[in-house]
């Protein structure tokens, strides 16, 4: 008969490794740091220690380790300090659409312009005014052509002799 807890009863409360307990690799690394830090002669007064924060302590440890020739410990201090002194840069993409006319705006954006919630650049307004003026001029020109065509047709009909129906 195998020993141990029967299946299906679940875990015994309080058993297993406690949360936050370091494993062998973490313990070995911490001991190496303590040993390296002990090899470096660090002397700070209580007044200075009271004003230091964690970044200042790491920077001081790094500089002292470098002066003492403890490159490995200094490198480890630098790695720990780096994210706080110089955050990693991340690639970003920026998309920006330049709206030059009202045709570039969505219906929702046009409604915001009408409601006064969205400002429109002067260049867009100037373009709209120029297009309105051009549209009016185009409409006038089109009306003149239509009128000319209608007058020509009228004159053609008036000058064309009628054929009698015999």
N, C-alpha and C. Protein backbone atom coordinates (compact mmCIF):
# COMPACT_ATOMS: atom_id res chain seq x y z
N UNK A 1 0.85 -1.17 0.00
CA UNK A 1 0.00 0.00 0.00
C UNK A 1 0.90 1.24 0.00
N UNK A 2 0.71 2.13 -1.05
CA UNK A 2 1.57 3.32 -1.11
C UNK A 2 1.21 4.30 -0.02
N UNK A 3 2.24 4.99 0.46
CA UNK A 3 2.01 5.97 1.52
C UNK A 3 1.62 7.33 0.95
N UNK A 4 1.36 8.25 1.80
CA UNK A 4 1.02 9.61 1.36
C UNK A 4 -0.45 9.90 1.47
N UNK A 5 -0.83 10.98 0.96
CA UNK A 5 -2.22 11.46 1.03
C UNK A 5 -3.04 10.81 -0.08
N UNK A 6 -4.24 10.38 0.21
CA UNK A 6 -5.09 9.79 -0.83
C UNK A 6 -5.45 10.82 -1.89
N UNK A 7 -5.63 10.32 -3.11
CA UNK A 7 -5.99 11.20 -4.22
C UNK A 7 -7.36 11.83 -3.99
N UNK A 8 -7.49 13.05 -4.54
CA UNK A 8 -8.78 13.71 -4.49
C UNK A 8 -9.01 14.57 -3.27
N UNK A 9 -8.13 14.49 -2.28
CA UNK A 9 -8.33 15.29 -1.07
C UNK A 9 -7.72 16.69 -1.20
N UNK A 10 -6.93 16.92 -2.26
CA UNK A 10 -6.36 18.24 -2.45
C UNK A 10 -5.11 18.46 -1.63
N UNK A 11 -4.65 19.66 -1.65
CA UNK A 11 -3.42 20.03 -0.99
C UNK A 11 -3.65 20.26 0.50
N UNK A 12 -2.67 19.88 1.29
CA UNK A 12 -2.75 20.13 2.73
C UNK A 12 -2.41 21.59 2.98
N UNK A 13 -3.24 22.31 3.67
CA UNK A 13 -2.95 23.71 3.93
C UNK A 13 -1.63 23.87 4.67
N UNK A 14 -0.82 24.83 4.20
CA UNK A 14 0.46 25.11 4.85
C UNK A 14 1.60 24.25 4.35
N UNK A 15 1.34 23.33 3.42
CA UNK A 15 2.41 22.46 2.93
C UNK A 15 3.10 23.11 1.73
N UNK A 16 4.26 22.61 1.40
CA UNK A 16 5.01 23.10 0.23
C UNK A 16 5.84 24.32 0.57
N UNK A 17 6.53 24.82 -0.47
CA UNK A 17 7.40 26.00 -0.29
C UNK A 17 6.54 27.23 -0.06
N UNK A 18 6.91 28.02 0.91
CA UNK A 18 6.17 29.24 1.23
C UNK A 18 6.45 30.29 0.16
N UNK A 19 5.45 31.07 -0.15
CA UNK A 19 5.58 32.13 -1.15
C UNK A 19 6.68 33.10 -0.73
N UNK A 20 7.57 33.42 -1.71
CA UNK A 20 8.66 34.36 -1.45
C UNK A 20 9.93 33.69 -0.97
N UNK A 21 9.90 32.39 -0.70
CA UNK A 21 11.11 31.68 -0.27
C UNK A 21 12.06 31.56 -1.46
N UNK A 22 13.29 32.03 -1.31
CA UNK A 22 14.21 31.98 -2.45
C UNK A 22 14.66 30.56 -2.76
N UNK A 23 14.91 30.28 -4.06
CA UNK A 23 15.43 28.97 -4.45
C UNK A 23 16.95 28.97 -4.36
N UNK A 24 17.60 27.85 -4.71
CA UNK A 24 19.05 27.73 -4.56
C UNK A 24 19.80 28.76 -5.40
N UNK A 25 19.35 29.01 -6.63
CA UNK A 25 20.04 29.96 -7.51
C UNK A 25 19.97 31.37 -6.94
N UNK A 26 18.82 31.77 -6.42
CA UNK A 26 18.66 33.10 -5.84
C UNK A 26 19.53 33.25 -4.60
N UNK A 27 19.58 32.21 -3.78
CA UNK A 27 20.42 32.24 -2.57
C UNK A 27 21.90 32.36 -2.96
N UNK A 28 22.33 31.60 -3.97
CA UNK A 28 23.72 31.64 -4.40
C UNK A 28 24.09 33.02 -4.92
N UNK A 29 23.19 33.64 -5.69
CA UNK A 29 23.46 34.97 -6.24
C UNK A 29 23.55 36.01 -5.12
N UNK A 30 22.64 35.93 -4.16
CA UNK A 30 22.66 36.87 -3.04
C UNK A 30 23.94 36.72 -2.23
N UNK A 31 24.38 35.47 -2.02
CA UNK A 31 25.62 35.26 -1.26
C UNK A 31 26.82 35.81 -2.03
N UNK A 32 26.82 35.65 -3.34
CA UNK A 32 27.93 36.19 -4.14
C UNK A 32 27.96 37.71 -4.06
N UNK A 33 26.79 38.34 -4.07
CA UNK A 33 26.74 39.81 -3.95
C UNK A 33 27.23 40.27 -2.58
N UNK A 34 26.81 39.56 -1.54
CA UNK A 34 27.25 39.93 -0.20
C UNK A 34 28.76 39.77 -0.06
N UNK A 35 29.29 38.68 -0.63
CA UNK A 35 30.73 38.45 -0.58
C UNK A 35 31.47 39.55 -1.33
N UNK A 36 30.97 39.90 -2.53
CA UNK A 36 31.61 40.94 -3.32
C UNK A 36 31.50 42.29 -2.62
N UNK A 37 30.35 42.56 -2.02
CA UNK A 37 30.18 43.83 -1.32
C UNK A 37 31.07 43.90 -0.09
N UNK A 38 31.32 42.76 0.56
CA UNK A 38 32.21 42.74 1.71
C UNK A 38 33.64 43.00 1.32
N UNK A 39 34.00 42.61 0.10
CA UNK A 39 35.37 42.85 -0.38
C UNK A 39 35.59 44.31 -0.69
N UNK A 40 34.51 45.05 -0.95
CA UNK A 40 34.62 46.47 -1.26
C UNK A 40 34.48 47.23 0.05
N UNK A 41 35.38 48.13 0.30
CA UNK A 41 35.38 48.91 1.53
C UNK A 41 34.42 50.08 1.36
N UNK A 42 33.29 50.03 2.07
CA UNK A 42 32.28 51.08 1.95
C UNK A 42 32.15 51.76 3.30
N UNK A 43 32.38 53.07 3.30
CA UNK A 43 32.29 53.83 4.55
C UNK A 43 31.39 55.04 4.33
N UNK A 44 30.25 55.03 4.96
CA UNK A 44 29.33 56.15 4.89
C UNK A 44 28.90 56.51 6.30
N UNK A 45 28.76 57.80 6.55
CA UNK A 45 28.31 58.24 7.87
C UNK A 45 26.80 58.10 7.96
N UNK A 46 26.28 58.12 9.19
CA UNK A 46 24.84 58.00 9.38
C UNK A 46 24.09 59.17 8.76
N UNK A 47 24.67 60.36 8.77
CA UNK A 47 24.02 61.54 8.18
C UNK A 47 23.86 61.36 6.67
N UNK A 48 24.89 60.80 6.04
CA UNK A 48 24.83 60.57 4.59
C UNK A 48 23.83 59.47 4.29
N UNK A 49 23.85 58.40 5.06
CA UNK A 49 22.93 57.28 4.83
C UNK A 49 21.47 57.71 4.96
N UNK A 50 21.18 58.67 5.83
CA UNK A 50 19.82 59.13 6.05
C UNK A 50 19.26 59.82 4.80
N UNK A 51 20.16 60.43 4.01
CA UNK A 51 19.70 61.16 2.82
C UNK A 51 19.68 60.31 1.56
N UNK A 52 20.21 59.11 1.60
CA UNK A 52 20.32 58.29 0.39
C UNK A 52 19.05 57.48 0.14
N UNK A 53 18.72 57.35 -1.13
CA UNK A 53 17.65 56.43 -1.50
C UNK A 53 18.30 55.21 -2.16
N UNK A 54 17.50 54.27 -2.62
CA UNK A 54 18.02 53.01 -3.18
C UNK A 54 18.91 53.26 -4.40
N UNK A 55 18.53 54.20 -5.25
CA UNK A 55 19.34 54.49 -6.44
C UNK A 55 20.69 55.07 -6.06
N UNK A 56 20.70 55.95 -5.06
CA UNK A 56 21.97 56.53 -4.60
C UNK A 56 22.90 55.46 -4.04
N UNK A 57 22.32 54.52 -3.28
CA UNK A 57 23.13 53.44 -2.68
C UNK A 57 23.72 52.57 -3.79
N UNK A 58 22.91 52.19 -4.78
CA UNK A 58 23.40 51.36 -5.88
C UNK A 58 24.49 52.09 -6.66
N UNK A 59 24.29 53.39 -6.91
CA UNK A 59 25.31 54.16 -7.64
C UNK A 59 26.60 54.23 -6.85
N UNK A 60 26.48 54.44 -5.54
CA UNK A 60 27.68 54.50 -4.69
C UNK A 60 28.40 53.15 -4.67
N UNK A 61 27.61 52.06 -4.51
CA UNK A 61 28.22 50.72 -4.53
C UNK A 61 28.94 50.46 -5.85
N UNK A 62 28.32 50.87 -6.94
CA UNK A 62 28.92 50.65 -8.25
C UNK A 62 30.24 51.41 -8.38
N UNK A 63 30.24 52.68 -8.00
CA UNK A 63 31.48 53.48 -8.11
C UNK A 63 32.58 52.94 -7.20
N UNK A 64 32.19 52.58 -5.98
CA UNK A 64 33.18 52.05 -5.04
C UNK A 64 33.75 50.73 -5.54
N UNK A 65 32.89 49.87 -6.08
CA UNK A 65 33.35 48.59 -6.62
C UNK A 65 34.30 48.80 -7.79
N UNK A 66 34.00 49.77 -8.63
CA UNK A 66 34.89 50.06 -9.76
C UNK A 66 36.26 50.52 -9.28
N UNK A 67 36.27 51.40 -8.26
CA UNK A 67 37.55 51.88 -7.72
C UNK A 67 38.36 50.75 -7.10
N UNK A 68 37.63 49.78 -6.53
CA UNK A 68 38.32 48.66 -5.86
C UNK A 68 38.67 47.55 -6.83
N UNK A 69 38.29 47.69 -8.09
CA UNK A 69 38.62 46.68 -9.08
C UNK A 69 37.65 45.50 -9.11
N UNK A 70 36.51 45.62 -8.50
CA UNK A 70 35.49 44.57 -8.48
C UNK A 70 34.52 44.80 -9.65
N UNK A 71 34.97 44.48 -10.86
CA UNK A 71 34.20 44.77 -12.07
C UNK A 71 32.89 43.99 -12.10
N UNK A 72 32.88 42.74 -11.68
CA UNK A 72 31.67 41.92 -11.74
C UNK A 72 30.58 42.50 -10.84
N UNK A 73 30.96 42.90 -9.62
CA UNK A 73 29.99 43.49 -8.70
C UNK A 73 29.51 44.84 -9.22
N UNK A 74 30.44 45.64 -9.76
CA UNK A 74 30.06 46.95 -10.32
C UNK A 74 29.10 46.78 -11.48
N UNK A 75 29.34 45.77 -12.32
CA UNK A 75 28.46 45.51 -13.45
C UNK A 75 27.07 45.10 -12.96
N UNK A 76 27.02 44.28 -11.93
CA UNK A 76 25.73 43.87 -11.38
C UNK A 76 24.97 45.07 -10.81
N UNK A 77 25.69 45.95 -10.12
CA UNK A 77 25.07 47.17 -9.59
C UNK A 77 24.55 48.04 -10.73
N UNK A 78 25.34 48.16 -11.79
CA UNK A 78 24.94 48.98 -12.93
C UNK A 78 23.68 48.42 -13.59
N UNK A 79 23.62 47.08 -13.71
CA UNK A 79 22.43 46.46 -14.30
C UNK A 79 21.19 46.73 -13.46
N UNK A 80 21.35 46.69 -12.15
CA UNK A 80 20.21 46.94 -11.26
C UNK A 80 19.79 48.41 -11.29
N UNK A 81 20.75 49.30 -11.48
CA UNK A 81 20.48 50.73 -11.44
C UNK A 81 19.98 51.27 -12.78
N UNK A 82 20.36 50.64 -13.88
CA UNK A 82 20.08 51.17 -15.22
C UNK A 82 18.60 51.48 -15.49
N UNK A 83 17.65 50.61 -15.15
CA UNK A 83 16.25 50.93 -15.47
C UNK A 83 15.73 52.20 -14.78
N UNK A 84 16.35 52.58 -13.68
CA UNK A 84 15.89 53.77 -12.95
C UNK A 84 16.56 55.04 -13.45
N UNK A 85 17.75 54.90 -13.99
CA UNK A 85 18.49 56.07 -14.46
C UNK A 85 18.19 56.36 -15.93
N UNK A 86 18.17 55.32 -16.76
CA UNK A 86 17.93 55.48 -18.20
C UNK A 86 16.92 54.42 -18.65
N UNK A 87 15.64 54.75 -18.61
CA UNK A 87 14.63 53.76 -19.02
C UNK A 87 14.84 53.31 -20.47
N UNK A 88 14.45 52.09 -20.75
CA UNK A 88 14.58 51.56 -22.11
C UNK A 88 13.69 52.34 -23.07
N UNK A 89 14.24 52.64 -24.23
CA UNK A 89 13.46 53.31 -25.25
C UNK A 89 12.68 52.26 -26.02
N UNK A 90 11.48 52.59 -26.40
CA UNK A 90 10.67 51.66 -27.15
C UNK A 90 10.30 52.27 -28.48
N UNK A 91 10.25 51.43 -29.48
CA UNK A 91 9.87 51.88 -30.80
C UNK A 91 8.37 52.17 -30.80
N UNK A 92 8.03 53.31 -31.36
CA UNK A 92 6.63 53.66 -31.48
C UNK A 92 6.35 54.03 -32.93
N UNK A 93 5.12 53.87 -33.31
CA UNK A 93 4.73 54.31 -34.63
C UNK A 93 3.68 55.39 -34.45
N UNK A 94 3.83 56.41 -35.24
CA UNK A 94 2.89 57.52 -35.14
C UNK A 94 2.23 57.69 -36.50
N UNK A 95 0.94 57.66 -36.48
CA UNK A 95 0.21 57.90 -37.72
C UNK A 95 -0.54 59.20 -37.56
N UNK A 96 -0.37 60.05 -38.52
CA UNK A 96 -1.01 61.35 -38.47
C UNK A 96 -1.53 61.67 -39.86
N UNK A 97 -2.80 61.93 -39.96
CA UNK A 97 -3.35 62.29 -41.25
C UNK A 97 -3.59 63.79 -41.26
N UNK A 98 -3.11 64.43 -42.29
CA UNK A 98 -3.28 65.87 -42.41
C UNK A 98 -4.55 66.09 -43.23
N UNK A 99 -5.45 66.81 -42.65
CA UNK A 99 -6.72 67.06 -43.31
C UNK A 99 -6.64 68.42 -43.98
N UNK A 100 -6.67 68.40 -45.33
CA UNK A 100 -6.49 69.62 -46.10
C UNK A 100 -7.82 70.19 -46.60
N UNK A 101 -8.82 69.34 -46.71
CA UNK A 101 -10.14 69.79 -47.16
C UNK A 101 -11.20 69.13 -46.29
N UNK A 102 -12.44 69.62 -46.43
CA UNK A 102 -13.53 69.02 -45.67
C UNK A 102 -13.83 67.61 -46.16
N UNK A 103 -13.40 67.27 -47.37
CA UNK A 103 -13.59 65.91 -47.87
C UNK A 103 -12.82 64.89 -47.05
N UNK A 104 -11.74 65.34 -46.36
CA UNK A 104 -10.91 64.44 -45.56
C UNK A 104 -11.52 64.13 -44.20
N UNK A 105 -12.56 64.87 -43.80
CA UNK A 105 -13.18 64.68 -42.49
C UNK A 105 -14.28 63.62 -42.58
N UNK A 106 -14.44 62.85 -41.49
CA UNK A 106 -15.53 61.88 -41.43
C UNK A 106 -16.82 62.62 -41.09
N UNK A 107 -17.95 61.92 -41.21
CA UNK A 107 -19.23 62.54 -40.89
C UNK A 107 -19.30 62.96 -39.43
N UNK A 108 -18.74 62.13 -38.56
CA UNK A 108 -18.75 62.46 -37.12
C UNK A 108 -17.92 63.71 -36.86
N UNK A 109 -16.78 63.81 -37.53
CA UNK A 109 -15.92 64.99 -37.34
C UNK A 109 -16.60 66.25 -37.90
N UNK A 110 -17.27 66.11 -39.03
CA UNK A 110 -17.99 67.26 -39.59
C UNK A 110 -19.10 67.72 -38.64
N UNK A 111 -19.75 66.76 -37.98
CA UNK A 111 -20.79 67.13 -37.02
C UNK A 111 -20.17 67.87 -35.84
N UNK A 112 -18.97 67.44 -35.41
CA UNK A 112 -18.28 68.14 -34.31
C UNK A 112 -17.88 69.54 -34.74
N UNK A 113 -17.51 69.72 -36.00
CA UNK A 113 -17.19 71.05 -36.51
C UNK A 113 -18.44 71.92 -36.46
N UNK A 114 -19.56 71.38 -36.90
CA UNK A 114 -20.82 72.13 -36.89
C UNK A 114 -21.22 72.50 -35.47
N UNK A 115 -21.03 71.56 -34.53
CA UNK A 115 -21.39 71.80 -33.12
C UNK A 115 -20.39 72.70 -32.41
N UNK A 116 -19.26 72.99 -33.06
CA UNK A 116 -18.25 73.85 -32.45
C UNK A 116 -17.32 73.12 -31.50
N UNK A 117 -17.33 71.79 -31.51
CA UNK A 117 -16.47 71.01 -30.62
C UNK A 117 -15.09 70.75 -31.23
N UNK A 118 -14.96 70.93 -32.54
CA UNK A 118 -13.71 70.64 -33.23
C UNK A 118 -13.29 71.86 -34.03
N UNK A 119 -12.06 72.32 -33.80
CA UNK A 119 -11.54 73.46 -34.55
C UNK A 119 -11.03 73.00 -35.90
N UNK A 120 -11.20 73.86 -36.89
CA UNK A 120 -10.76 73.55 -38.25
C UNK A 120 -9.61 74.49 -38.58
N UNK A 121 -8.52 73.96 -39.13
CA UNK A 121 -7.41 74.84 -39.51
C UNK A 121 -7.83 75.87 -40.56
N UNK A 122 -7.18 77.04 -40.53
CA UNK A 122 -7.51 78.11 -41.46
C UNK A 122 -7.34 77.68 -42.91
N UNK A 123 -6.35 76.83 -43.17
CA UNK A 123 -6.10 76.38 -44.54
C UNK A 123 -7.30 75.62 -45.09
N UNK A 124 -7.97 74.84 -44.24
CA UNK A 124 -9.14 74.08 -44.68
C UNK A 124 -10.29 75.05 -44.99
N UNK A 125 -10.45 76.06 -44.13
CA UNK A 125 -11.51 77.04 -44.37
C UNK A 125 -11.25 77.84 -45.64
N UNK A 126 -9.99 78.25 -45.86
CA UNK A 126 -9.64 79.00 -47.07
C UNK A 126 -9.89 78.14 -48.31
N UNK A 127 -9.55 76.85 -48.22
CA UNK A 127 -9.79 75.95 -49.35
C UNK A 127 -11.29 75.83 -49.62
N UNK A 128 -12.07 75.73 -48.54
CA UNK A 128 -13.52 75.61 -48.71
C UNK A 128 -14.09 76.87 -49.36
N UNK A 129 -13.61 78.04 -48.92
CA UNK A 129 -14.09 79.29 -49.51
C UNK A 129 -13.70 79.39 -50.98
N UNK A 130 -12.46 78.98 -51.29
CA UNK A 130 -12.01 79.01 -52.68
C UNK A 130 -12.82 78.04 -53.53
N UNK A 131 -13.10 76.87 -52.99
CA UNK A 131 -13.90 75.88 -53.73
C UNK A 131 -15.32 76.39 -53.92
N UNK A 132 -15.87 77.07 -52.89
CA UNK A 132 -17.22 77.62 -53.04
C UNK A 132 -17.25 78.67 -54.13
N UNK A 133 -16.24 79.55 -54.14
CA UNK A 133 -16.18 80.59 -55.17
C UNK A 133 -16.04 79.95 -56.55
N UNK A 134 -15.18 78.94 -56.65
CA UNK A 134 -14.99 78.26 -57.93
C UNK A 134 -16.27 77.54 -58.35
N UNK A 135 -16.97 76.94 -57.38
CA UNK A 135 -18.22 76.25 -57.68
C UNK A 135 -19.25 77.23 -58.22
N UNK A 136 -19.33 78.41 -57.62
CA UNK A 136 -20.27 79.43 -58.09
C UNK A 136 -19.90 79.86 -59.51
N UNK A 137 -18.60 80.10 -59.74
CA UNK A 137 -18.15 80.48 -61.08
C UNK A 137 -18.45 79.37 -62.09
N UNK A 138 -18.23 78.11 -61.69
CA UNK A 138 -18.52 76.99 -62.58
C UNK A 138 -20.01 76.92 -62.88
N UNK A 139 -20.85 77.16 -61.87
CA UNK A 139 -22.30 77.13 -62.08
C UNK A 139 -22.74 78.23 -63.03
N UNK A 140 -22.16 79.41 -62.88
CA UNK A 140 -22.50 80.53 -63.78
C UNK A 140 -22.09 80.19 -65.21
N UNK A 141 -20.87 79.67 -65.38
CA UNK A 141 -20.38 79.29 -66.70
C UNK A 141 -21.26 78.21 -67.33
N UNK A 142 -21.66 77.24 -66.56
CA UNK A 142 -22.53 76.17 -67.05
C UNK A 142 -23.89 76.73 -67.46
N UNK A 143 -24.43 77.67 -66.67
CA UNK A 143 -25.72 78.29 -67.01
C UNK A 143 -25.61 79.08 -68.31
N UNK A 144 -24.49 79.81 -68.52
CA UNK A 144 -24.29 80.56 -69.76
C UNK A 144 -24.26 79.63 -70.97
N UNK A 145 -23.52 78.50 -70.83
CA UNK A 145 -23.45 77.55 -71.94
C UNK A 145 -24.83 76.98 -72.26
N UNK A 146 -25.56 76.63 -71.21
CA UNK A 146 -26.90 76.08 -71.42
C UNK A 146 -27.81 77.11 -72.10
N UNK A 147 -27.70 78.36 -71.69
CA UNK A 147 -28.51 79.42 -72.28
C UNK A 147 -28.13 79.62 -73.76
N UNK A 148 -26.82 79.64 -74.03
CA UNK A 148 -26.36 79.78 -75.41
C UNK A 148 -26.89 78.63 -76.27
N UNK A 149 -26.82 77.41 -75.79
CA UNK A 149 -27.32 76.26 -76.53
C UNK A 149 -28.82 76.39 -76.79
N UNK A 150 -29.53 76.80 -75.76
CA UNK A 150 -30.99 76.94 -75.92
C UNK A 150 -31.33 78.01 -76.94
N UNK A 151 -30.59 79.14 -76.93
CA UNK A 151 -30.84 80.21 -77.90
C UNK A 151 -30.51 79.75 -79.31
N UNK A 152 -29.42 79.00 -79.48
CA UNK A 152 -29.06 78.50 -80.80
C UNK A 152 -30.14 77.56 -81.33
N UNK A 153 -30.62 76.69 -80.49
CA UNK A 153 -31.69 75.77 -80.92
C UNK A 153 -32.94 76.56 -81.33
N UNK A 154 -33.27 77.56 -80.56
CA UNK A 154 -34.46 78.36 -80.87
C UNK A 154 -34.29 79.04 -82.23
N UNK A 155 -33.07 79.59 -82.43
CA UNK A 155 -32.82 80.27 -83.71
C UNK A 155 -32.85 79.27 -84.87
N UNK A 156 -32.32 78.07 -84.65
CA UNK A 156 -32.33 77.05 -85.71
C UNK A 156 -33.76 76.65 -86.05
N UNK A 157 -34.57 76.52 -85.05
CA UNK A 157 -35.95 76.12 -85.28
C UNK A 157 -36.69 77.24 -86.00
N UNK A 158 -36.39 78.48 -85.65
CA UNK A 158 -37.09 79.63 -86.24
C UNK A 158 -36.67 79.82 -87.70
N UNK A 159 -35.43 79.53 -88.04
CA UNK A 159 -34.96 79.75 -89.40
C UNK A 159 -35.17 78.55 -90.31
N UNK A 160 -35.44 77.43 -89.74
CA UNK A 160 -35.67 76.24 -90.57
C UNK A 160 -37.07 76.32 -91.16
N UNK A 161 -37.16 76.21 -92.53
CA UNK A 161 -38.51 76.27 -93.12
C UNK A 161 -39.30 75.00 -92.79
N UNK A 162 -40.57 75.25 -92.62
CA UNK A 162 -41.45 74.12 -92.33
C UNK A 162 -41.85 73.46 -93.63
N UNK A 163 -41.85 72.19 -93.58
CA UNK A 163 -42.30 71.47 -94.77
C UNK A 163 -43.82 71.25 -94.63
N UNK A 164 -44.46 71.49 -95.70
CA UNK A 164 -45.91 71.32 -95.66
C UNK A 164 -46.26 69.85 -95.86
N UNK A 165 -47.33 69.51 -95.32
CA UNK A 165 -47.74 68.11 -95.39
C UNK A 165 -48.73 67.97 -96.55
N UNK A 166 -48.29 67.61 -97.69
CA UNK A 166 -49.18 67.40 -98.85
C UNK A 166 -49.22 65.99 -99.28
